[in-house]
Amino acid sequence: MELYDTGNVDGAEEVVAPNVIDHNPATEAVSGIDGMRASIAAVRDGFTGTEHRILVQQEFPDGWVVLHWQMTGTHTGDTFGVPASGNPVDINGLDIMRMVDGKITELYHVEELLKPTQQISGGTQSA
């Protein structure tokens, strides 16, 4: 999560295996560690003041880890084709990762995409 807050794409090698498998990448996403770098850069370029908080972390056998997280920040740059709005965002997500030798080798993730879209556009959000 720290990489997303600092925007340090070069730090990805420290926590992500070169051939990481993202089981549900964004459309047209690059695979492997380059895809992770692109994801970090998209958050860095689209949002300022990002802060990720881990809400729940559970470790399982064979290196599997589940994280429920929250990200807050301000939409100050173009991201995912949406021009900067200056609006604050607050989203949650869930990651299921397999760790081998201290690095992420597999990743499943789900993010609240409707919520930030509504926040960026200034629309209302449902509970």
N, C-alpha and C. Protein backbone atom coordinates (compact mmCIF):
# COMPACT_ATOMS: atom_id res chain seq x y z
N MET A 1 0.82 -1.19 0.00
CA MET A 1 0.00 0.00 0.00
C MET A 1 0.87 1.26 0.00
N GLU A 2 2.01 1.18 0.66
CA GLU A 2 2.89 2.34 0.75
C GLU A 2 3.35 2.81 -0.63
N LEU A 3 3.57 1.87 -1.55
CA LEU A 3 4.00 2.26 -2.90
C LEU A 3 2.96 3.14 -3.58
N TYR A 4 1.69 2.87 -3.34
CA TYR A 4 0.63 3.68 -3.94
C TYR A 4 0.59 5.08 -3.31
N ASP A 5 0.91 5.16 -2.03
CA ASP A 5 0.90 6.47 -1.37
C ASP A 5 2.11 7.32 -1.77
N THR A 6 3.26 6.68 -1.96
CA THR A 6 4.47 7.42 -2.35
C THR A 6 4.58 7.59 -3.86
N GLY A 7 3.92 6.71 -4.62
CA GLY A 7 4.02 6.75 -6.08
C GLY A 7 5.34 6.22 -6.59
N ASN A 8 6.06 5.48 -5.76
CA ASN A 8 7.38 4.98 -6.11
C ASN A 8 7.29 3.73 -6.97
N VAL A 9 7.20 3.91 -8.28
CA VAL A 9 7.10 2.76 -9.19
C VAL A 9 8.36 1.91 -9.18
N ASP A 10 9.50 2.53 -8.89
CA ASP A 10 10.76 1.79 -8.85
C ASP A 10 10.84 0.86 -7.65
N GLY A 11 10.06 1.13 -6.61
CA GLY A 11 10.06 0.28 -5.42
C GLY A 11 9.26 -1.00 -5.58
N ALA A 12 8.59 -1.15 -6.71
CA ALA A 12 7.74 -2.33 -6.92
C ALA A 12 8.54 -3.63 -6.83
N GLU A 13 9.79 -3.61 -7.29
CA GLU A 13 10.61 -4.83 -7.27
C GLU A 13 10.83 -5.37 -5.86
N GLU A 14 10.72 -4.49 -4.87
CA GLU A 14 10.95 -4.92 -3.49
C GLU A 14 9.82 -5.80 -2.95
N VAL A 15 8.61 -5.63 -3.47
CA VAL A 15 7.47 -6.37 -2.93
C VAL A 15 6.68 -7.18 -3.96
N VAL A 16 7.03 -7.04 -5.23
CA VAL A 16 6.29 -7.73 -6.29
C VAL A 16 7.25 -8.58 -7.12
N ALA A 17 6.90 -9.85 -7.32
CA ALA A 17 7.71 -10.73 -8.15
C ALA A 17 7.65 -10.26 -9.61
N PRO A 18 8.74 -10.43 -10.37
CA PRO A 18 8.77 -9.96 -11.76
C PRO A 18 7.64 -10.53 -12.63
N ASN A 19 7.27 -11.78 -12.37
CA ASN A 19 6.24 -12.43 -13.20
C ASN A 19 4.91 -12.56 -12.44
N VAL A 20 4.60 -11.58 -11.59
CA VAL A 20 3.36 -11.60 -10.82
C VAL A 20 2.16 -11.82 -11.75
N ILE A 21 1.22 -12.60 -11.27
CA ILE A 21 0.01 -12.87 -12.03
C ILE A 21 -1.13 -12.07 -11.41
N ASP A 22 -1.68 -11.14 -12.17
CA ASP A 22 -2.85 -10.38 -11.74
C ASP A 22 -4.05 -11.06 -12.40
N HIS A 23 -4.86 -11.71 -11.58
CA HIS A 23 -5.97 -12.50 -12.11
C HIS A 23 -7.15 -11.67 -12.61
N ASN A 24 -7.20 -10.40 -12.30
CA ASN A 24 -8.25 -9.54 -12.84
C ASN A 24 -7.69 -8.13 -13.11
N PRO A 25 -6.80 -8.04 -14.11
CA PRO A 25 -6.19 -6.73 -14.42
C PRO A 25 -7.19 -5.79 -15.08
N ALA A 26 -6.84 -4.51 -15.03
CA ALA A 26 -7.65 -3.50 -15.73
C ALA A 26 -7.58 -3.77 -17.23
N THR A 27 -8.59 -3.32 -17.95
CA THR A 27 -8.62 -3.48 -19.40
C THR A 27 -7.34 -2.93 -20.01
N GLU A 28 -6.75 -3.68 -20.92
CA GLU A 28 -5.53 -3.29 -21.63
C GLU A 28 -4.33 -3.13 -20.71
N ALA A 29 -4.38 -3.73 -19.51
CA ALA A 29 -3.26 -3.62 -18.58
C ALA A 29 -2.10 -4.49 -19.05
N VAL A 30 -0.91 -4.02 -18.78
CA VAL A 30 0.30 -4.77 -19.06
C VAL A 30 0.41 -5.85 -17.99
N SER A 31 0.98 -7.01 -18.32
CA SER A 31 1.09 -8.07 -17.34
C SER A 31 2.38 -7.97 -16.55
N GLY A 32 2.47 -8.76 -15.51
CA GLY A 32 3.67 -8.82 -14.69
C GLY A 32 3.90 -7.55 -13.90
N ILE A 33 5.14 -7.37 -13.51
CA ILE A 33 5.50 -6.24 -12.66
C ILE A 33 5.28 -4.90 -13.37
N ASP A 34 5.36 -4.88 -14.70
CA ASP A 34 5.10 -3.63 -15.43
C ASP A 34 3.65 -3.19 -15.26
N GLY A 35 2.73 -4.14 -15.14
CA GLY A 35 1.34 -3.81 -14.88
C GLY A 35 1.15 -3.21 -13.50
N MET A 36 1.90 -3.73 -12.53
CA MET A 36 1.83 -3.17 -11.18
C MET A 36 2.40 -1.76 -11.17
N ARG A 37 3.51 -1.55 -11.89
CA ARG A 37 4.09 -0.20 -11.97
C ARG A 37 3.08 0.77 -12.59
N ALA A 38 2.38 0.32 -13.64
CA ALA A 38 1.39 1.18 -14.31
C ALA A 38 0.24 1.52 -13.35
N SER A 39 -0.17 0.57 -12.54
CA SER A 39 -1.23 0.82 -11.56
C SER A 39 -0.80 1.83 -10.51
N ILE A 40 0.42 1.68 -10.01
CA ILE A 40 0.97 2.64 -9.04
C ILE A 40 1.04 4.03 -9.66
N ALA A 41 1.52 4.12 -10.90
CA ALA A 41 1.65 5.41 -11.59
C ALA A 41 0.28 6.05 -11.82
N ALA A 42 -0.73 5.24 -12.14
CA ALA A 42 -2.08 5.79 -12.37
C ALA A 42 -2.63 6.43 -11.11
N VAL A 43 -2.42 5.80 -9.97
CA VAL A 43 -2.89 6.38 -8.70
C VAL A 43 -2.07 7.63 -8.39
N ARG A 44 -0.75 7.54 -8.55
CA ARG A 44 0.14 8.68 -8.27
C ARG A 44 -0.23 9.89 -9.14
N ASP A 45 -0.46 9.64 -10.43
CA ASP A 45 -0.74 10.73 -11.37
C ASP A 45 -2.15 11.29 -11.25
N GLY A 46 -3.08 10.49 -10.73
CA GLY A 46 -4.47 10.92 -10.67
C GLY A 46 -4.91 11.49 -9.34
N PHE A 47 -4.17 11.16 -8.28
CA PHE A 47 -4.61 11.55 -6.95
C PHE A 47 -3.44 12.09 -6.14
N THR A 48 -3.69 13.11 -5.34
CA THR A 48 -2.67 13.60 -4.42
C THR A 48 -3.15 13.35 -2.99
N GLY A 49 -2.20 13.31 -2.10
CA GLY A 49 -2.52 13.10 -0.69
C GLY A 49 -3.13 11.75 -0.41
N THR A 50 -2.80 10.75 -1.23
CA THR A 50 -3.40 9.43 -1.00
C THR A 50 -2.90 8.84 0.31
N GLU A 51 -3.81 8.19 0.97
CA GLU A 51 -3.48 7.47 2.20
C GLU A 51 -4.26 6.17 2.20
N HIS A 52 -3.53 5.08 2.26
CA HIS A 52 -4.15 3.76 2.36
C HIS A 52 -4.11 3.30 3.81
N ARG A 53 -5.22 2.77 4.26
CA ARG A 53 -5.29 2.17 5.59
C ARG A 53 -5.72 0.73 5.44
N ILE A 54 -5.05 -0.15 6.14
CA ILE A 54 -5.46 -1.55 6.15
C ILE A 54 -6.52 -1.71 7.23
N LEU A 55 -7.71 -2.12 6.82
CA LEU A 55 -8.83 -2.30 7.74
C LEU A 55 -8.82 -3.69 8.36
N VAL A 56 -8.49 -4.70 7.55
CA VAL A 56 -8.40 -6.08 8.02
C VAL A 56 -7.28 -6.75 7.25
N GLN A 57 -6.46 -7.50 7.96
CA GLN A 57 -5.42 -8.30 7.32
C GLN A 57 -5.45 -9.69 7.94
N GLN A 58 -5.52 -10.70 7.09
CA GLN A 58 -5.54 -12.08 7.57
C GLN A 58 -4.57 -12.90 6.73
N GLU A 59 -3.68 -13.63 7.37
CA GLU A 59 -2.73 -14.49 6.68
C GLU A 59 -3.20 -15.93 6.77
N PHE A 60 -3.00 -16.69 5.67
CA PHE A 60 -3.43 -18.07 5.58
C PHE A 60 -2.25 -18.94 5.18
N PRO A 61 -2.41 -20.26 5.27
CA PRO A 61 -1.33 -21.17 4.85
C PRO A 61 -0.96 -20.96 3.38
N ASP A 62 0.23 -21.42 3.03
CA ASP A 62 0.75 -21.35 1.66
C ASP A 62 0.98 -19.93 1.18
N GLY A 63 1.11 -18.97 2.11
CA GLY A 63 1.47 -17.61 1.73
C GLY A 63 0.32 -16.72 1.30
N TRP A 64 -0.91 -17.16 1.41
CA TRP A 64 -2.05 -16.33 1.01
C TRP A 64 -2.36 -15.30 2.09
N VAL A 65 -2.62 -14.07 1.64
CA VAL A 65 -2.93 -12.95 2.53
C VAL A 65 -4.16 -12.24 1.98
N VAL A 66 -5.09 -11.89 2.86
CA VAL A 66 -6.28 -11.12 2.48
C VAL A 66 -6.18 -9.76 3.14
N LEU A 67 -6.33 -8.70 2.35
CA LEU A 67 -6.33 -7.33 2.86
C LEU A 67 -7.64 -6.64 2.48
N HIS A 68 -8.29 -6.03 3.45
CA HIS A 68 -9.41 -5.12 3.18
C HIS A 68 -8.86 -3.74 3.49
N TRP A 69 -8.87 -2.84 2.52
CA TRP A 69 -8.22 -1.54 2.68
C TRP A 69 -9.13 -0.39 2.29
N GLN A 70 -8.70 0.80 2.69
CA GLN A 70 -9.41 2.04 2.35
C GLN A 70 -8.36 3.02 1.81
N MET A 71 -8.72 3.73 0.75
CA MET A 71 -7.86 4.78 0.21
C MET A 71 -8.61 6.11 0.22
N THR A 72 -7.96 7.14 0.72
CA THR A 72 -8.49 8.50 0.62
C THR A 72 -7.48 9.34 -0.15
N GLY A 73 -7.95 10.38 -0.78
CA GLY A 73 -7.09 11.28 -1.53
C GLY A 73 -7.93 12.32 -2.25
N THR A 74 -7.26 13.09 -3.09
CA THR A 74 -7.95 14.13 -3.88
C THR A 74 -7.64 13.89 -5.35
N HIS A 75 -8.67 13.94 -6.17
CA HIS A 75 -8.54 13.70 -7.62
C HIS A 75 -8.02 14.97 -8.30
N THR A 76 -6.69 15.05 -8.44
CA THR A 76 -6.07 16.26 -8.98
C THR A 76 -5.40 16.07 -10.33
N GLY A 77 -5.51 14.89 -10.90
CA GLY A 77 -4.90 14.64 -12.21
C GLY A 77 -5.77 13.71 -13.03
N ASP A 78 -5.51 13.68 -14.32
CA ASP A 78 -6.25 12.76 -15.18
C ASP A 78 -5.98 11.33 -14.72
N THR A 79 -7.02 10.56 -14.60
CA THR A 79 -6.85 9.16 -14.22
C THR A 79 -7.92 8.32 -14.89
N PHE A 80 -7.49 7.22 -15.47
CA PHE A 80 -8.39 6.30 -16.14
C PHE A 80 -9.30 7.03 -17.13
N GLY A 81 -8.75 8.04 -17.80
CA GLY A 81 -9.48 8.78 -18.81
C GLY A 81 -10.41 9.85 -18.28
N VAL A 82 -10.37 10.12 -16.98
CA VAL A 82 -11.24 11.13 -16.38
C VAL A 82 -10.39 12.34 -15.99
N PRO A 83 -10.72 13.54 -16.51
CA PRO A 83 -9.96 14.74 -16.15
C PRO A 83 -10.06 15.07 -14.66
N ALA A 84 -9.06 15.75 -14.15
CA ALA A 84 -9.02 16.13 -12.73
C ALA A 84 -10.28 16.90 -12.34
N SER A 85 -10.81 16.57 -11.15
CA SER A 85 -12.01 17.25 -10.66
C SER A 85 -11.72 18.09 -9.42
N GLY A 86 -10.64 17.76 -8.70
CA GLY A 86 -10.35 18.43 -7.44
C GLY A 86 -11.18 17.90 -6.28
N ASN A 87 -11.99 16.89 -6.53
CA ASN A 87 -12.87 16.34 -5.49
C ASN A 87 -12.14 15.30 -4.64
N PRO A 88 -12.50 15.21 -3.37
CA PRO A 88 -11.94 14.16 -2.51
C PRO A 88 -12.55 12.80 -2.87
N VAL A 89 -11.79 11.75 -2.66
CA VAL A 89 -12.28 10.39 -2.87
C VAL A 89 -12.00 9.56 -1.63
N ASP A 90 -12.85 8.57 -1.43
CA ASP A 90 -12.74 7.66 -0.30
C ASP A 90 -13.29 6.33 -0.79
N ILE A 91 -12.40 5.36 -1.04
CA ILE A 91 -12.85 4.08 -1.57
C ILE A 91 -12.28 2.93 -0.75
N ASN A 92 -12.92 1.78 -0.86
CA ASN A 92 -12.47 0.55 -0.22
C ASN A 92 -12.13 -0.47 -1.29
N GLY A 93 -11.28 -1.42 -0.91
CA GLY A 93 -10.94 -2.50 -1.81
C GLY A 93 -10.56 -3.74 -1.04
N LEU A 94 -10.47 -4.83 -1.76
CA LEU A 94 -10.11 -6.12 -1.18
C LEU A 94 -9.06 -6.77 -2.07
N ASP A 95 -7.94 -7.17 -1.47
CA ASP A 95 -6.88 -7.85 -2.20
C ASP A 95 -6.67 -9.23 -1.59
N ILE A 96 -6.51 -10.22 -2.45
CA ILE A 96 -6.12 -11.56 -2.04
C ILE A 96 -4.82 -11.84 -2.77
N MET A 97 -3.74 -12.00 -2.00
CA MET A 97 -2.41 -12.11 -2.59
C MET A 97 -1.72 -13.38 -2.11
N ARG A 98 -0.90 -13.93 -2.98
CA ARG A 98 -0.02 -15.02 -2.57
C ARG A 98 1.39 -14.47 -2.49
N MET A 99 2.00 -14.68 -1.32
CA MET A 99 3.36 -14.19 -1.07
C MET A 99 4.33 -15.37 -1.09
N VAL A 100 5.42 -15.21 -1.83
CA VAL A 100 6.49 -16.20 -1.84
C VAL A 100 7.80 -15.44 -1.67
N ASP A 101 8.58 -15.83 -0.66
CA ASP A 101 9.85 -15.16 -0.36
C ASP A 101 9.68 -13.65 -0.21
N GLY A 102 8.57 -13.24 0.42
CA GLY A 102 8.34 -11.84 0.70
C GLY A 102 7.86 -11.00 -0.47
N LYS A 103 7.50 -11.65 -1.58
CA LYS A 103 7.03 -10.91 -2.76
C LYS A 103 5.67 -11.43 -3.23
N ILE A 104 4.87 -10.52 -3.77
CA ILE A 104 3.55 -10.90 -4.30
C ILE A 104 3.76 -11.64 -5.61
N THR A 105 3.23 -12.88 -5.68
CA THR A 105 3.34 -13.67 -6.91
C THR A 105 2.01 -13.81 -7.64
N GLU A 106 0.90 -13.69 -6.89
CA GLU A 106 -0.44 -13.74 -7.48
C GLU A 106 -1.30 -12.72 -6.77
N LEU A 107 -2.27 -12.18 -7.51
CA LEU A 107 -3.12 -11.14 -6.95
C LEU A 107 -4.52 -11.20 -7.55
N TYR A 108 -5.50 -11.22 -6.66
CA TYR A 108 -6.91 -11.02 -7.01
C TYR A 108 -7.31 -9.73 -6.29
N HIS A 109 -8.06 -8.85 -6.93
CA HIS A 109 -8.45 -7.60 -6.27
C HIS A 109 -9.79 -7.10 -6.77
N VAL A 110 -10.49 -6.41 -5.85
CA VAL A 110 -11.77 -5.80 -6.16
C VAL A 110 -11.76 -4.42 -5.53
N GLU A 111 -12.11 -3.41 -6.31
CA GLU A 111 -12.19 -2.03 -5.81
C GLU A 111 -13.59 -1.49 -6.06
N GLU A 112 -14.01 -0.59 -5.18
CA GLU A 112 -15.30 0.09 -5.38
C GLU A 112 -15.11 1.10 -6.51
N LEU A 113 -15.55 0.78 -7.70
CA LEU A 113 -15.33 1.69 -8.83
C LEU A 113 -16.48 2.68 -9.02
N LEU A 114 -17.69 2.31 -8.66
CA LEU A 114 -18.81 3.24 -8.79
C LEU A 114 -18.66 4.41 -7.82
N LYS A 115 -18.25 4.10 -6.60
CA LYS A 115 -18.13 5.14 -5.57
C LYS A 115 -17.17 6.26 -5.98
N PRO A 116 -15.92 5.96 -6.42
CA PRO A 116 -15.04 7.08 -6.81
C PRO A 116 -15.54 7.80 -8.06
N THR A 117 -16.21 7.08 -8.96
CA THR A 117 -16.77 7.74 -10.14
C THR A 117 -17.79 8.79 -9.72
N GLN A 118 -18.64 8.45 -8.77
CA GLN A 118 -19.62 9.40 -8.26
C GLN A 118 -18.95 10.55 -7.52
N GLN A 119 -17.93 10.25 -6.74
CA GLN A 119 -17.22 11.29 -5.99
C GLN A 119 -16.49 12.26 -6.92
N ILE A 120 -15.85 11.70 -7.96
CA ILE A 120 -15.11 12.52 -8.92
C ILE A 120 -16.06 13.44 -9.69
N SER A 121 -17.23 12.88 -10.06
CA SER A 121 -18.17 13.67 -10.86
C SER A 121 -19.01 14.61 -10.00
N GLY A 122 -18.93 14.46 -8.68
CA GLY A 122 -19.73 15.31 -7.78
C GLY A 122 -21.14 14.80 -7.62
N GLY A 123 -21.41 13.60 -8.13
CA GLY A 123 -22.75 13.03 -8.00
C GLY A 123 -22.97 12.47 -6.61
N THR A 124 -24.18 12.07 -6.35
CA THR A 124 -24.50 11.50 -5.05
C THR A 124 -24.13 10.03 -5.04
N GLN A 125 -23.90 9.53 -3.87
CA GLN A 125 -23.60 8.11 -3.74
C GLN A 125 -24.62 7.46 -2.83
N SER A 126 -24.93 6.22 -3.15
CA SER A 126 -25.88 5.50 -2.32
C SER A 126 -25.16 4.82 -1.19
N ALA A 127 -25.88 4.57 -0.10
CA ALA A 127 -25.28 3.96 1.09
C ALA A 127 -24.95 2.52 0.88
